[in-house]
């Protein structure tokens, strides 16, 4: 019985979430527009740090065994 109950509850919650998403779509888009520049800045900084770290590692002398 628990499996069926979790399926019904999960489906109901997903349906309510979809309805709220449709109703609040303009507000959701506004939030995404506000977060997008910050996400691009942080993503760029992370990519820059990763690239510099890889460059630094490639400049180290290789150890031979």
N, C-alpha and C. Protein backbone atom coordinates (compact mmCIF):
# COMPACT_ATOMS: atom_id res chain seq x y z
N UNK A 1 0.83 -1.20 0.00
CA UNK A 1 0.00 0.00 0.00
C UNK A 1 0.87 1.26 0.00
N UNK A 2 2.03 1.21 0.64
CA UNK A 2 2.89 2.37 0.73
C UNK A 2 3.43 2.81 -0.61
N UNK A 3 3.69 1.84 -1.51
CA UNK A 3 4.21 2.18 -2.84
C UNK A 3 3.18 2.99 -3.62
N UNK A 4 1.92 2.54 -3.57
CA UNK A 4 0.87 3.23 -4.30
C UNK A 4 0.60 4.61 -3.71
N UNK A 5 0.67 4.70 -2.40
CA UNK A 5 0.45 5.99 -1.74
C UNK A 5 1.53 6.99 -2.14
N UNK A 6 2.78 6.53 -2.19
CA UNK A 6 3.85 7.45 -2.57
C UNK A 6 3.72 7.88 -4.02
N UNK A 7 3.24 6.99 -4.89
CA UNK A 7 3.02 7.36 -6.29
C UNK A 7 1.91 8.41 -6.39
N UNK A 8 0.82 8.21 -5.67
CA UNK A 8 -0.31 9.16 -5.71
C UNK A 8 0.11 10.50 -5.13
N UNK A 9 0.78 10.49 -4.01
CA UNK A 9 1.21 11.74 -3.38
C UNK A 9 2.23 12.46 -4.26
N UNK A 10 3.19 11.72 -4.80
CA UNK A 10 4.18 12.32 -5.69
C UNK A 10 3.54 12.93 -6.93
N UNK A 11 2.58 12.22 -7.52
CA UNK A 11 1.88 12.77 -8.68
C UNK A 11 1.09 14.01 -8.34
N UNK A 12 0.43 14.01 -7.19
CA UNK A 12 -0.33 15.18 -6.75
C UNK A 12 0.56 16.38 -6.51
N UNK A 13 1.71 16.16 -5.87
CA UNK A 13 2.64 17.26 -5.60
C UNK A 13 3.22 17.79 -6.91
N UNK A 14 3.55 16.89 -7.85
CA UNK A 14 4.05 17.33 -9.15
C UNK A 14 3.00 18.15 -9.89
N UNK A 15 1.75 17.75 -9.81
CA UNK A 15 0.67 18.48 -10.47
C UNK A 15 0.50 19.87 -9.86
N UNK A 16 0.51 19.95 -8.54
CA UNK A 16 0.39 21.26 -7.87
C UNK A 16 1.59 22.14 -8.23
N UNK A 17 2.77 21.55 -8.26
CA UNK A 17 3.95 22.30 -8.65
C UNK A 17 3.85 22.84 -10.07
N UNK A 18 3.33 22.03 -10.98
CA UNK A 18 3.15 22.48 -12.36
C UNK A 18 2.15 23.63 -12.44
N UNK A 19 1.05 23.52 -11.70
CA UNK A 19 0.07 24.60 -11.69
C UNK A 19 0.67 25.90 -11.14
N UNK A 20 1.41 25.79 -10.06
CA UNK A 20 2.04 26.98 -9.49
C UNK A 20 3.10 27.56 -10.41
N UNK A 21 3.85 26.67 -11.10
CA UNK A 21 4.85 27.14 -12.05
C UNK A 21 4.19 27.93 -13.18
N UNK A 22 3.08 27.43 -13.69
CA UNK A 22 2.37 28.14 -14.76
C UNK A 22 1.82 29.47 -14.26
N UNK A 23 1.29 29.46 -13.05
CA UNK A 23 0.71 30.69 -12.50
C UNK A 23 1.79 31.74 -12.21
N UNK A 24 2.95 31.30 -11.73
CA UNK A 24 4.02 32.21 -11.34
C UNK A 24 5.11 32.33 -12.39
N UNK A 25 4.83 31.98 -13.63
CA UNK A 25 5.84 32.00 -14.67
C UNK A 25 6.50 33.37 -14.84
N UNK A 26 5.76 34.48 -14.87
CA UNK A 26 6.44 35.79 -15.01
C UNK A 26 7.41 36.06 -13.85
N UNK A 27 7.05 35.70 -12.63
CA UNK A 27 7.94 35.92 -11.49
C UNK A 27 9.15 35.00 -11.59
N UNK A 28 8.93 33.76 -12.06
CA UNK A 28 10.03 32.82 -12.23
C UNK A 28 11.03 33.33 -13.26
N UNK A 29 10.52 33.86 -14.36
CA UNK A 29 11.39 34.40 -15.41
C UNK A 29 12.16 35.60 -14.88
N UNK A 30 11.53 36.42 -14.08
CA UNK A 30 12.20 37.58 -13.49
C UNK A 30 13.35 37.14 -12.58
N UNK A 31 13.13 36.11 -11.79
CA UNK A 31 14.18 35.60 -10.91
C UNK A 31 15.34 35.03 -11.73
N UNK A 32 15.02 34.28 -12.78
CA UNK A 32 16.07 33.70 -13.62
C UNK A 32 16.86 34.81 -14.30
N UNK A 33 16.18 35.85 -14.78
CA UNK A 33 16.87 36.98 -15.40
C UNK A 33 17.80 37.66 -14.40
N UNK A 34 17.40 37.73 -13.15
CA UNK A 34 18.23 38.35 -12.13
C UNK A 34 19.42 37.49 -11.74
N UNK A 35 19.25 36.16 -11.79
CA UNK A 35 20.32 35.26 -11.38
C UNK A 35 21.31 34.96 -12.51
N UNK A 36 20.90 35.10 -13.74
CA UNK A 36 21.73 34.71 -14.88
C UNK A 36 23.09 35.43 -14.92
N UNK A 37 23.15 36.76 -14.75
CA UNK A 37 24.47 37.40 -14.77
C UNK A 37 25.39 36.89 -13.66
N UNK A 38 24.85 36.69 -12.48
CA UNK A 38 25.67 36.19 -11.37
C UNK A 38 26.17 34.78 -11.66
N UNK A 39 25.31 33.93 -12.22
CA UNK A 39 25.73 32.57 -12.55
C UNK A 39 26.80 32.58 -13.62
N UNK A 40 26.69 33.45 -14.61
CA UNK A 40 27.72 33.55 -15.64
C UNK A 40 29.04 34.04 -15.07
N UNK A 41 28.98 35.01 -14.18
CA UNK A 41 30.21 35.52 -13.56
C UNK A 41 30.89 34.42 -12.75
N UNK A 42 30.13 33.74 -11.88
CA UNK A 42 30.72 32.69 -11.06
C UNK A 42 31.20 31.52 -11.90
N UNK A 43 30.46 31.16 -12.93
CA UNK A 43 30.89 30.08 -13.82
C UNK A 43 32.17 30.44 -14.55
N UNK A 44 32.27 31.68 -15.00
CA UNK A 44 33.48 32.15 -15.66
C UNK A 44 34.68 32.16 -14.74
N UNK A 45 34.48 32.59 -13.51
CA UNK A 45 35.58 32.60 -12.54
C UNK A 45 36.04 31.18 -12.23
N UNK A 46 35.10 30.26 -12.08
CA UNK A 46 35.47 28.86 -11.82
C UNK A 46 36.23 28.28 -13.00
N UNK A 47 35.78 28.56 -14.23
CA UNK A 47 36.48 28.07 -15.42
C UNK A 47 37.87 28.68 -15.51
N UNK A 48 38.00 29.95 -15.18
CA UNK A 48 39.30 30.62 -15.20
C UNK A 48 40.25 29.99 -14.19
N UNK A 49 39.78 29.75 -12.98
CA UNK A 49 40.60 29.13 -11.95
C UNK A 49 41.02 27.73 -12.36
N UNK A 50 40.08 26.95 -12.93
CA UNK A 50 40.40 25.60 -13.38
C UNK A 50 41.45 25.63 -14.49
N UNK A 51 41.31 26.56 -15.43
CA UNK A 51 42.28 26.67 -16.51
C UNK A 51 43.65 27.07 -16.01
N UNK A 52 43.71 28.02 -15.09
CA UNK A 52 44.99 28.43 -14.53
C UNK A 52 45.64 27.30 -13.74
N UNK A 53 44.84 26.55 -13.02
CA UNK A 53 45.37 25.42 -12.26
C UNK A 53 45.92 24.36 -13.20
N UNK A 54 45.23 24.08 -14.29
CA UNK A 54 45.71 23.10 -15.27
C UNK A 54 46.98 23.59 -15.94
N UNK A 55 47.06 24.87 -16.26
CA UNK A 55 48.26 25.44 -16.86
C UNK A 55 49.43 25.34 -15.90
N UNK A 56 49.18 25.64 -14.64
CA UNK A 56 50.22 25.57 -13.62
C UNK A 56 50.72 24.13 -13.48
N UNK A 57 49.81 23.16 -13.50
CA UNK A 57 50.20 21.75 -13.40
C UNK A 57 51.01 21.30 -14.62
N UNK A 58 50.67 21.82 -15.79
CA UNK A 58 51.37 21.40 -17.00
C UNK A 58 52.77 22.01 -17.06
N UNK A 59 53.03 23.08 -16.33
CA UNK A 59 54.34 23.70 -16.34
C UNK A 59 55.30 23.05 -15.36
N UNK A 60 54.78 22.23 -14.45
CA UNK A 60 55.65 21.55 -13.49
C UNK A 60 56.47 20.49 -14.22
N UNK A 61 57.71 20.26 -13.80
CA UNK A 61 58.49 19.20 -14.42
C UNK A 61 57.88 17.84 -14.13
N UNK A 62 57.88 16.99 -15.13
CA UNK A 62 57.30 15.66 -14.98
C UNK A 62 58.24 14.78 -14.18
N UNK A 63 57.66 13.98 -13.27
CA UNK A 63 58.46 13.04 -12.48
C UNK A 63 58.54 11.72 -13.24
N UNK A 64 59.72 11.17 -13.31
CA UNK A 64 59.89 9.86 -13.95
C UNK A 64 60.11 8.82 -12.88
N UNK A 65 59.55 7.64 -13.12
CA UNK A 65 59.67 6.57 -12.13
C UNK A 65 60.73 5.59 -12.54
